Amino acid sequence: MRYLTPALALGALFVGAPAMANHLNNLETPYASRGACESAIAQFAAEDAPSLLERFPNFFSRRGDVSSFLTRAFSCDYDPVEQAWFITDRRLEILTSDWFLRKP
């Protein structure tokens, strides 16, 4: 990761969307509770992590790096209009954050 600029990181991870397909395919899925939403995110992360680790070795050196990124990049937010919880895509925010830029 330290070898690539943040712009390249952004491009690579946005182009690499198929590696995060579970998360992205479920952004519009309503969940009845925060627990159900977070459980889905955890399941998606477990399924998506191996492909992210394989496809982006410049960003992630171990599975823990991928898990940490996915935990920050996808969160659950309540929509009072829909009265449901939804997965929120925060990749751009995380990829431009101090946390990501300081990773070794």
C-alpha atoms as a PDB file:
ATOM      1  CA  MET A   1       0.000   0.000   0.000  1.00  0.00           C
ATOM      2  CA  ARG A   2       2.776   2.429   0.785  1.00  0.00           C
ATOM      3  CA  TYR A   3       3.949   2.020  -2.805  1.00  0.00           C
ATOM      4  CA  LEU A   4       0.742   3.313  -4.322  1.00  0.00           C
ATOM      5  CA  THR A   5      -0.803   6.727  -4.094  1.00  0.00           C
ATOM      6  CA  PRO A   6      -4.236   7.139  -2.543  1.00  0.00           C
ATOM      7  CA  ALA A   7      -5.668   7.842  -6.008  1.00  0.00           C
ATOM      8  CA  LEU A   8      -4.448   4.478  -7.276  1.00  0.00           C
ATOM      9  CA  ALA A   9      -5.829   2.804  -4.180  1.00  0.00           C
ATOM     10  CA  LEU A  10      -9.212   4.382  -4.784  1.00  0.00           C
ATOM     11  CA  GLY A  11      -9.264   3.320  -8.392  1.00  0.00           C
ATOM     12  CA  ALA A  12      -8.133  -0.212  -7.714  1.00  0.00           C
ATOM     13  CA  LEU A  13     -10.657  -0.877  -4.982  1.00  0.00           C
ATOM     14  CA  PHE A  14     -13.540   0.691  -6.864  1.00  0.00           C
ATOM     15  CA  VAL A  15     -12.686  -1.206 -10.039  1.00  0.00           C
ATOM     16  CA  GLY A  16     -12.305  -4.290  -7.867  1.00  0.00           C
ATOM     17  CA  ALA A  17     -15.961  -4.123  -6.944  1.00  0.00           C
ATOM     18  CA  PRO A  18     -16.590  -7.764  -7.937  1.00  0.00           C
ATOM     19  CA  ALA A  19     -14.300  -8.739  -5.073  1.00  0.00           C
ATOM     20  CA  MET A  20     -16.775  -7.027  -2.749  1.00  0.00           C
ATOM     21  CA  ALA A  21     -19.866  -8.175  -4.610  1.00  0.00           C
ATOM     22  CA  ASN A  22     -21.721  -9.414  -1.553  1.00  0.00           C
ATOM     23  CA  HIS A  23     -21.530  -6.039   0.138  1.00  0.00           C
ATOM     24  CA  LEU A  24     -22.342  -4.029  -2.971  1.00  0.00           C
ATOM     25  CA  ASN A  25     -25.180  -6.275  -4.125  1.00  0.00           C
ATOM     26  CA  ASN A  26     -26.934  -5.808  -0.798  1.00  0.00           C
ATOM     27  CA  LEU A  27     -26.774  -2.037  -0.319  1.00  0.00           C
ATOM     28  CA  GLU A  28     -30.515  -1.770  -1.005  1.00  0.00           C
ATOM     29  CA  THR A  29     -31.490  -4.766   1.125  1.00  0.00           C
ATOM     30  CA  PRO A  30     -33.504  -3.701   4.193  1.00  0.00           C
ATOM     31  CA  TYR A  31     -32.730  -5.406   7.497  1.00  0.00           C
ATOM     32  CA  ALA A  32     -35.200  -5.540  10.375  1.00  0.00           C
ATOM     33  CA  SER A  33     -32.567  -4.898  13.028  1.00  0.00           C
ATOM     34  CA  ARG A  34     -29.051  -3.600  13.391  1.00  0.00           C
ATOM     35  CA  GLY A  35     -27.984  -7.063  14.506  1.00  0.00           C
ATOM     36  CA  ALA A  36     -29.332  -8.630  11.319  1.00  0.00           C
ATOM     37  CA  CYS A  37     -27.532  -6.012   9.225  1.00  0.00           C
ATOM     38  CA  GLU A  38     -24.231  -6.461  11.060  1.00  0.00           C
ATOM     39  CA  SER A  39     -24.552 -10.226  10.857  1.00  0.00           C
ATOM     40  CA  ALA A  40     -24.969  -9.939   7.081  1.00  0.00           C
ATOM     41  CA  ILE A  41     -21.910  -7.672   6.854  1.00  0.00           C
ATOM     42  CA  ALA A  42     -19.861 -10.179   8.856  1.00  0.00           C
ATOM     43  CA  GLN A  43     -20.963 -13.014   6.578  1.00  0.00           C
ATOM     44  CA  PHE A  44     -20.192 -10.975   3.450  1.00  0.00           C
ATOM     45  CA  ALA A  45     -16.779 -10.034   4.839  1.00  0.00           C
ATOM     46  CA  ALA A  46     -15.948 -13.683   5.498  1.00  0.00           C
ATOM     47  CA  GLU A  47     -16.930 -14.552   1.929  1.00  0.00           C
ATOM     48  CA  ASP A  48     -15.233 -11.557   0.262  1.00  0.00           C
ATOM     49  CA  ALA A  49     -11.995 -11.383   2.275  1.00  0.00           C
ATOM     50  CA  PRO A  50     -10.065 -14.168   0.498  1.00  0.00           C
ATOM     51  CA  SER A  51     -10.597 -12.649  -2.951  1.00  0.00           C
ATOM     52  CA  LEU A  52      -9.655  -9.163  -1.731  1.00  0.00           C
ATOM     53  CA  LEU A  53      -6.481 -10.488  -0.146  1.00  0.00           C
ATOM     54  CA  GLU A  54      -5.582 -12.296  -3.359  1.00  0.00           C
ATOM     55  CA  ARG A  55      -6.475  -9.465  -5.744  1.00  0.00           C
ATOM     56  CA  PHE A  56      -4.936  -6.584  -3.776  1.00  0.00           C
ATOM     57  CA  PRO A  57      -1.674  -7.736  -2.130  1.00  0.00           C
ATOM     58  CA  ASN A  58      -0.334  -4.168  -2.304  1.00  0.00           C
ATOM     59  CA  PHE A  59      -3.105  -3.029   0.046  1.00  0.00           C
ATOM     60  CA  PHE A  60      -3.577  -6.037   2.303  1.00  0.00           C
ATOM     61  CA  SER A  61      -0.751  -8.185   3.641  1.00  0.00           C
ATOM     62  CA  ARG A  62      -2.923 -10.443   5.810  1.00  0.00           C
ATOM     63  CA  ARG A  63      -6.555 -11.331   6.395  1.00  0.00           C
ATOM     64  CA  GLY A  64      -6.743  -9.047   9.420  1.00  0.00           C
ATOM     65  CA  ASP A  65      -5.994  -6.062   7.171  1.00  0.00           C
ATOM     66  CA  VAL A  66      -8.895  -7.008   4.918  1.00  0.00           C
ATOM     67  CA  SER A  67     -11.244  -7.516   7.855  1.00  0.00           C
ATOM     68  CA  SER A  68     -10.274  -4.189   9.354  1.00  0.00           C
ATOM     69  CA  PHE A  69     -10.879  -2.433   6.037  1.00  0.00           C
ATOM     70  CA  LEU A  70     -14.258  -4.100   5.450  1.00  0.00           C
ATOM     71  CA  THR A  71     -15.405  -3.324   8.993  1.00  0.00           C
ATOM     72  CA  ARG A  72     -14.734   0.351   8.375  1.00  0.00           C
ATOM     73  CA  ALA A  73     -15.835   0.469   4.724  1.00  0.00           C
ATOM     74  CA  PHE A  74     -19.304  -1.016   5.202  1.00  0.00           C
ATOM     75  CA  SER A  75     -21.492  -0.053   8.133  1.00  0.00           C
ATOM     76  CA  CYS A  76     -25.141  -0.350   9.086  1.00  0.00           C
ATOM     77  CA  ASP A  77     -27.285   2.768   9.184  1.00  0.00           C
ATOM     78  CA  TYR A  78     -30.929   3.165  10.104  1.00  0.00           C
ATOM     79  CA  ASP A  79     -33.306   4.810   7.631  1.00  0.00           C
ATOM     80  CA  PRO A  80     -36.271   6.217   9.569  1.00  0.00           C
ATOM     81  CA  VAL A  81     -38.341   6.629   6.398  1.00  0.00           C
ATOM     82  CA  GLU A  82     -37.954   2.961   5.447  1.00  0.00           C
ATOM     83  CA  GLN A  83     -37.866   1.924   9.117  1.00  0.00           C
ATOM     84  CA  ALA A  84     -35.092  -0.503   8.316  1.00  0.00           C
ATOM     85  CA  TRP A  85     -31.332  -0.875   8.523  1.00  0.00           C
ATOM     86  CA  PHE A  86     -29.193  -0.708   5.386  1.00  0.00           C
ATOM     87  CA  ILE A  87     -25.547  -1.390   4.565  1.00  0.00           C
ATOM     88  CA  THR A  88     -23.754   1.872   3.812  1.00  0.00           C
ATOM     89  CA  ASP A  89     -20.779   1.996   1.448  1.00  0.00           C
ATOM     90  CA  ARG A  90     -18.055   4.148   3.040  1.00  0.00           C
ATOM     91  CA  ARG A  91     -15.138   3.005   0.875  1.00  0.00           C
ATOM     92  CA  LEU A  92     -14.303   6.488  -0.383  1.00  0.00           C
ATOM     93  CA  GLU A  93     -14.302   7.899   3.144  1.00  0.00           C
ATOM     94  CA  ILE A  94     -12.073   5.089   4.440  1.00  0.00           C
ATOM     95  CA  LEU A  95      -9.657   5.070   1.505  1.00  0.00           C
ATOM     96  CA  THR A  96      -9.003   8.785   2.025  1.00  0.00           C
ATOM     97  CA  SER A  97      -8.823   8.548   5.825  1.00  0.00           C
ATOM     98  CA  ASP A  98      -5.724   8.934   7.976  1.00  0.00           C
ATOM     99  CA  TRP A  99      -6.183   5.316   9.062  1.00  0.00           C
ATOM    100  CA  PHE A 100      -5.771   4.001   5.514  1.00  0.00           C
ATOM    101  CA  LEU A 101      -3.050   6.445   4.497  1.00  0.00           C
ATOM    102  CA  ARG A 102      -0.904   5.515   7.527  1.00  0.00           C
ATOM    103  CA  LYS A 103      -1.108   1.766   7.038  1.00  0.00           C
ATOM    104  CA  PRO A 104       2.367   0.268   6.446  1.00  0.00           C
END
